[in-house]
Each structure stands twice: as structure tokens, then as C-alpha cells.
Protein backbone atom coordinates (compact mmCIF):
# COMPACT_ATOMS: atom_id res chain seq x y z
CA UNK A 1 -118.64 -10.64 306.33
CA UNK A 2 -119.97 -14.25 306.05
CA UNK A 3 -118.79 -16.26 303.05
CA UNK A 4 -120.95 -15.91 299.90
CA UNK A 5 -123.55 -18.63 299.42
CA UNK A 6 -123.12 -19.80 295.86
CA UNK A 7 -126.15 -21.84 294.95
CA UNK A 8 -125.51 -24.35 292.28
CA UNK A 9 -128.54 -25.57 290.47
CA UNK A 10 -128.65 -28.27 287.83
CA UNK A 11 -129.85 -26.10 284.93
CA UNK A 12 -132.45 -26.59 282.18
CA UNK A 13 -133.32 -25.36 278.65
CA UNK A 14 -136.78 -24.38 280.05
CA UNK A 15 -136.54 -20.69 281.01
CA UNK A 16 -139.15 -21.23 283.69
CA UNK A 17 -136.72 -23.57 285.56
CA UNK A 18 -134.07 -20.87 285.97
CA UNK A 19 -136.70 -18.38 286.99
CA UNK A 20 -137.94 -20.73 289.67
CA UNK A 21 -134.54 -21.14 291.13
CA UNK A 22 -133.98 -17.47 291.12
CA UNK A 23 -137.34 -16.89 292.88
CA UNK A 24 -136.34 -19.58 295.51
CA UNK A 25 -133.08 -17.68 296.15
CA UNK A 26 -134.99 -14.41 296.55
CA UNK A 27 -136.64 -16.02 299.55
CA UNK A 28 -133.23 -17.18 300.89
CA UNK A 29 -132.21 -13.44 300.77
CA UNK A 30 -135.32 -12.28 302.61
CA UNK A 31 -134.57 -14.84 305.33
CA UNK A 32 -130.89 -13.80 305.66
CA UNK A 33 -130.56 -10.30 304.30
CA UNK A 34 -127.04 -9.77 305.45
CA UNK A 35 -125.85 -12.72 303.35
CA UNK A 36 -124.59 -12.44 299.78
CA UNK A 37 -126.37 -14.98 297.66
CA UNK A 38 -125.33 -15.90 294.19
CA UNK A 39 -126.68 -18.39 291.64
CA UNK A 40 -125.09 -20.57 288.98
CA UNK A 41 -125.91 -23.62 286.91
CA UNK A 42 -124.20 -26.92 286.15
CA UNK A 43 -125.50 -27.15 282.59
CA UNK A 44 -127.87 -25.57 280.04
CA UNK A 45 -128.17 -22.24 281.81
CA UNK A 46 -126.03 -19.21 282.61
CA UNK A 47 -123.99 -18.31 284.57
CA UNK A 48 -121.94 -21.59 284.58
CA UNK A 49 -120.35 -22.70 287.73
CA UNK A 50 -116.89 -21.91 286.46
CA UNK A 51 -117.90 -18.38 285.45
CA UNK A 52 -119.41 -17.78 288.84
CA UNK A 53 -116.34 -19.08 290.71
CA UNK A 54 -114.10 -16.91 288.54
CA UNK A 55 -116.27 -13.79 289.46
CA UNK A 56 -115.90 -14.74 293.09
CA UNK A 57 -112.11 -15.31 292.98
CA UNK A 58 -110.65 -14.44 296.28
CA UNK A 59 -113.91 -14.51 298.31
CA UNK A 60 -113.97 -18.26 299.14
CA UNK A 61 -117.59 -18.84 298.65
CA UNK A 62 -119.56 -21.85 300.14
CA UNK A 63 -121.22 -23.85 297.32
CA UNK A 64 -124.65 -25.15 298.21
CA UNK A 65 -125.94 -27.76 295.59
CA UNK A 66 -129.55 -27.06 294.82
CA UNK A 67 -129.92 -30.74 294.11
CA UNK A 68 -132.22 -33.27 295.78
CA UNK A 69 -129.95 -36.24 295.92
CA UNK A 70 -126.42 -37.63 295.69
CA UNK A 71 -125.00 -38.31 292.26
CA UNK A 72 -122.33 -37.64 289.69
CA UNK A 73 -122.47 -33.86 289.97
CA UNK A 74 -121.82 -34.13 293.77
CA UNK A 75 -119.10 -36.64 293.59
CA UNK A 76 -117.33 -35.38 290.43
CA UNK A 77 -118.16 -32.17 288.99
CA UNK A 78 -118.45 -29.98 292.03
CA UNK A 79 -115.29 -31.25 293.68
CA UNK A 80 -113.47 -30.65 290.37
CA UNK A 81 -114.72 -27.11 290.11
CA UNK A 82 -113.56 -26.44 293.74
CA UNK A 83 -110.16 -27.83 292.93
CA UNK A 84 -109.79 -25.76 289.75
CA UNK A 85 -110.81 -22.62 291.80
CA UNK A 86 -108.24 -23.48 294.50
CA UNK A 87 -110.86 -24.11 297.13
CA UNK A 88 -110.94 -27.07 299.57
CA UNK A 89 -113.63 -29.64 299.45
CA UNK A 90 -114.79 -28.26 302.89
CA UNK A 91 -116.45 -25.40 300.99
CA UNK A 92 -119.02 -27.77 299.47
CA UNK A 93 -122.24 -28.27 301.43
CA UNK A 94 -124.34 -31.22 301.38
CA UNK A 95 -127.15 -31.72 298.71
CA UNK A 96 -130.62 -30.69 299.89
CA UNK A 97 -132.21 -34.22 300.25
CA UNK A 98 -133.25 -36.16 302.00
CA UNK A 99 -134.49 -34.02 304.82
CA UNK A 100 -137.69 -33.40 306.89
CA UNK A 101 -137.99 -29.82 305.46
CA UNK A 102 -138.61 -31.42 302.02
CA UNK A 103 -141.26 -33.54 303.42
CA UNK A 104 -142.90 -30.44 304.61
CA UNK A 105 -142.77 -28.83 301.23
CA UNK A 106 -143.90 -31.97 299.49
CA UNK A 107 -146.87 -32.34 301.78
CA UNK A 108 -147.81 -28.73 301.08
CA UNK A 109 -147.77 -29.18 297.30
CA UNK A 110 -149.79 -32.32 297.57
CA UNK A 111 -152.43 -30.41 299.58
CA UNK A 112 -152.39 -27.72 296.86
CA UNK A 113 -153.11 -30.35 294.24
CA UNK A 114 -156.25 -31.34 296.13
CA UNK A 115 -155.10 -34.85 297.06
CA UNK A 116 -157.15 -36.45 299.74
CA UNK A 117 -155.31 -37.34 303.10
CA UNK A 118 -156.04 -41.09 302.73
CA UNK A 119 -154.65 -41.71 299.22
CA UNK A 120 -151.35 -43.53 298.89
CA UNK A 121 -148.53 -41.51 297.42
CA UNK A 122 -145.89 -42.12 294.63
CA UNK A 123 -142.82 -40.03 295.04
CA UNK A 124 -141.69 -39.09 291.51
CA UNK A 125 -137.93 -38.33 291.65
CA UNK A 126 -135.86 -37.35 288.50
CA UNK A 127 -133.90 -40.72 288.75
CA UNK A 128 -130.30 -41.55 288.40
CA UNK A 129 -128.04 -44.52 287.57
CA UNK A 130 -126.25 -43.88 290.83
CA UNK A 131 -127.27 -46.27 293.50
CA UNK A 132 -126.69 -43.63 296.23
CA UNK A 133 -129.34 -41.36 294.51
CA UNK A 134 -131.88 -44.27 294.64
CA UNK A 135 -131.13 -44.69 298.31
CA UNK A 136 -131.69 -40.95 298.87
CA UNK A 137 -135.02 -41.16 297.16
CA UNK A 138 -136.08 -44.21 299.23
CA UNK A 139 -135.16 -42.33 302.43
CA UNK A 140 -137.18 -39.35 301.31
CA UNK A 141 -140.11 -41.49 300.65
CA UNK A 142 -139.77 -42.78 304.26
CA UNK A 143 -139.65 -39.20 305.60
CA UNK A 144 -142.69 -38.16 303.64
CA UNK A 145 -144.62 -41.29 304.63
CA UNK A 146 -143.78 -40.43 308.37
CA UNK A 147 -144.92 -36.86 307.73
CA UNK A 148 -148.15 -37.83 306.03
CA UNK A 149 -149.02 -40.92 307.99
CA UNK A 150 -149.65 -43.00 304.94
CA UNK A 151 -147.62 -45.17 302.38
CA UNK A 152 -145.27 -43.49 299.92
CA UNK A 153 -143.76 -45.50 297.20
CA UNK A 154 -140.34 -44.20 295.66
CA UNK A 155 -140.30 -43.96 291.86
CA UNK A 156 -137.92 -42.61 289.26
CA UNK A 157 -138.70 -40.64 286.06
CA UNK A 158 -135.49 -41.94 284.45
CA UNK A 159 -132.58 -44.39 284.74
CA UNK A 160 -134.19 -46.66 287.42
CA UNK A 161 -137.37 -48.52 288.41
CA UNK A 162 -140.06 -48.42 289.20
CA UNK A 163 -141.26 -45.55 287.13
CA UNK A 164 -144.10 -43.42 288.35
CA UNK A 165 -146.30 -44.98 285.82
CA UNK A 166 -145.45 -48.53 287.04
CA UNK A 167 -145.82 -47.50 290.82
CA UNK A 168 -149.21 -45.83 290.20
CA UNK A 169 -150.48 -48.88 288.23
CA UNK A 170 -149.31 -51.24 290.97
CA UNK A 171 -151.26 -49.33 293.56
CA UNK A 172 -154.24 -49.21 291.40
CA UNK A 173 -154.07 -53.03 290.70
CA UNK A 174 -153.86 -53.54 294.49
CA UNK A 175 -157.21 -51.86 294.91
CA UNK A 176 -156.43 -48.16 295.53
CA UNK A 177 -158.84 -46.25 293.27
CA UNK A 178 -157.23 -42.91 294.12
CA UNK A 179 -153.42 -42.49 293.99
CA UNK A 180 -151.46 -39.24 294.38
CA UNK A 181 -148.13 -38.38 292.72
CA UNK A 182 -145.81 -36.16 294.73
CA UNK A 183 -143.53 -34.39 292.24
CA UNK A 184 -139.99 -34.58 293.75
CA UNK A 185 -138.46 -31.93 291.57
CA UNK A 186 -137.49 -28.38 292.27
CA UNK A 187 -138.54 -26.69 289.07
CA UNK A 188 -140.69 -27.15 285.90
CA UNK A 189 -139.13 -28.72 282.89
CA UNK A 190 -138.96 -32.05 281.04
CA UNK A 191 -139.28 -34.37 284.07
CA UNK A 192 -142.13 -32.35 285.45
CA UNK A 193 -143.99 -32.67 282.30
CA UNK A 194 -143.45 -36.46 282.44
CA UNK A 195 -144.62 -36.72 286.00
CA UNK A 196 -148.16 -35.58 285.05
CA UNK A 197 -148.66 -38.27 282.41
CA UNK A 198 -149.59 -41.09 284.88
CA UNK A 199 -153.08 -42.13 285.62
CA UNK A 200 -152.91 -40.86 289.11
CA UNK A 201 -155.88 -38.90 290.48
CA UNK A 202 -153.61 -36.00 291.62
CA UNK A 203 -150.19 -34.88 290.69
CA UNK A 204 -148.44 -32.06 292.82
CA UNK A 205 -146.41 -29.31 291.08
CA UNK A 206 -142.67 -29.00 291.57
CA UNK A 207 -141.51 -27.79 294.90
CA UNK A 208 -140.39 -24.40 293.51
CA UNK A 209 -140.02 -21.34 295.76
CA UNK A 210 -141.24 -22.89 298.96
CA UNK A 211 -140.19 -21.36 302.33
CA UNK A 212 -139.13 -24.69 303.61
CA UNK A 213 -136.73 -25.15 300.77
CA UNK A 214 -135.24 -21.63 301.41
CA UNK A 215 -134.75 -22.62 305.10
CA UNK A 216 -133.11 -25.81 303.95
CA UNK A 217 -130.63 -24.00 301.74
CA UNK A 218 -129.61 -21.87 304.65
CA UNK A 219 -129.38 -24.86 306.95
CA UNK A 220 -127.02 -26.73 304.43
CA UNK A 221 -125.06 -23.42 304.18
CA UNK A 222 -124.69 -23.23 307.94
CA UNK A 223 -123.67 -26.89 308.20
CA UNK A 224 -120.74 -26.22 305.74
CA UNK A 225 -119.85 -22.83 307.36
CA UNK A 226 -119.68 -23.88 311.05
CA UNK A 227 -116.41 -26.05 310.83
CA UNK A 228 -114.85 -23.21 308.70
CA UNK A 229 -115.58 -20.55 311.20
CA UNK A 230 -114.40 -22.74 314.05
CA UNK A 231 -111.11 -23.44 312.16
CA UNK A 232 -110.66 -19.73 311.50
CA UNK A 233 -111.29 -19.04 315.20
């Protein structure tokens, strides 16, 4: 049997956020029905990561962070949880972003919002004080710009600048009457509500249960599993 895929999401007080993550993982199960997929949260929702690892004791799961960028959780929380559970760091997959599959999903959500194909885009990420997270957002903006064929400005809903409000205002001042905001979040919640408060003409919804995200989760799982399978062989 392949190792369990333990998806580790951020967590939110908003029940819709947890429901969105669970819907996303149902798509993962449809794509890989032979794989056991479990879900847990780093904060504010249940089950916790420690509880999920305790329930899976002895099965040596692969942890796939359902996170869009590098940050404290990846550098500190997840390795510490693995160590407590007696699992090596090799059982931790990379975070989801940046990746071209995310650009595919972001482009689809922008199209759903009604955004015209010539409007410049502001990529609204959650934000982090970790410089690596800002670099990931900038790289994701470049991938999305390449996918769309038009400018994409990275922005941050917290902890860094420019904010989406500032980025949208700067584009409007530069003469762009219509601007789109691409919400670079996985699920609804506090930051998603903040993203829609700019003066942009269109704001896309969170990525949510998109097939490209489900494929990306499996890709990250496979990336982590491959060296483990080779070592076992």
C-alpha cells in the first residue's frame, strides 16, 4: 500500500474554509482512489496535526502542506511535528506554490469573475513577514503573467507591501481604468473578505476545489514519495 497522504492545511475559524479544503481532498481521492488521503489543520480547526499523526502512528504518512508559500509553518512547525512523531524530514512534501498548475487555476478563477483578457492583474496573497514567502509570491506572479500574457503585480494582504489596495491604486493612477485582482488564497475567510475591498473592477474567488490544485497535491506527494520508494527498493 502506498503511504498515507496527510494533507496539512492552515486552518480557520470560518467553517467554510474547512469545508473547502475537504471538498478539495475529495477531488484528490477521485483522481487517486487507491490512495488513503487524510486531512488535518495547523490551527483553529480539527483534527490538529498532532492528533492526526497520533492516529496514523506506525503508518509513516507523507505530509503535504496545503500552503501556497514558504514560511514559519514549513520551516518550524511541520519539521517539529515530524520529529515528535518519530518521522524523518523526508516525509514532508514541498508546499504547493509557486507552480504552473496554480497559474492555471488562478486564470480560471479570473475568467469566472468576468475579468477581460487585457486588464492588468494584482495577485493578492495572504502575506508573511518571511522574505521567502514574498519571493514565492513574486515568482507566482511571474508564472501567472506568463500564463495570461499580461502584467501581474504581486501584493500582500498582511505583513508586507504593496497591499492589494496600493497595487490597484497604482495601476489606476498609471492610466489603467480596469484592474483585476486574482485572489491567491485556497479558501474563504478573513483574507478573502479583505481581498474584495479594493477598487478593482473584478476580484476572483479563492482557488478552492479546483482540479488543477488536486493534481498539484498529488504531484507534491509523488515528489516526496519517489526517493522514499527508491530507498526502500
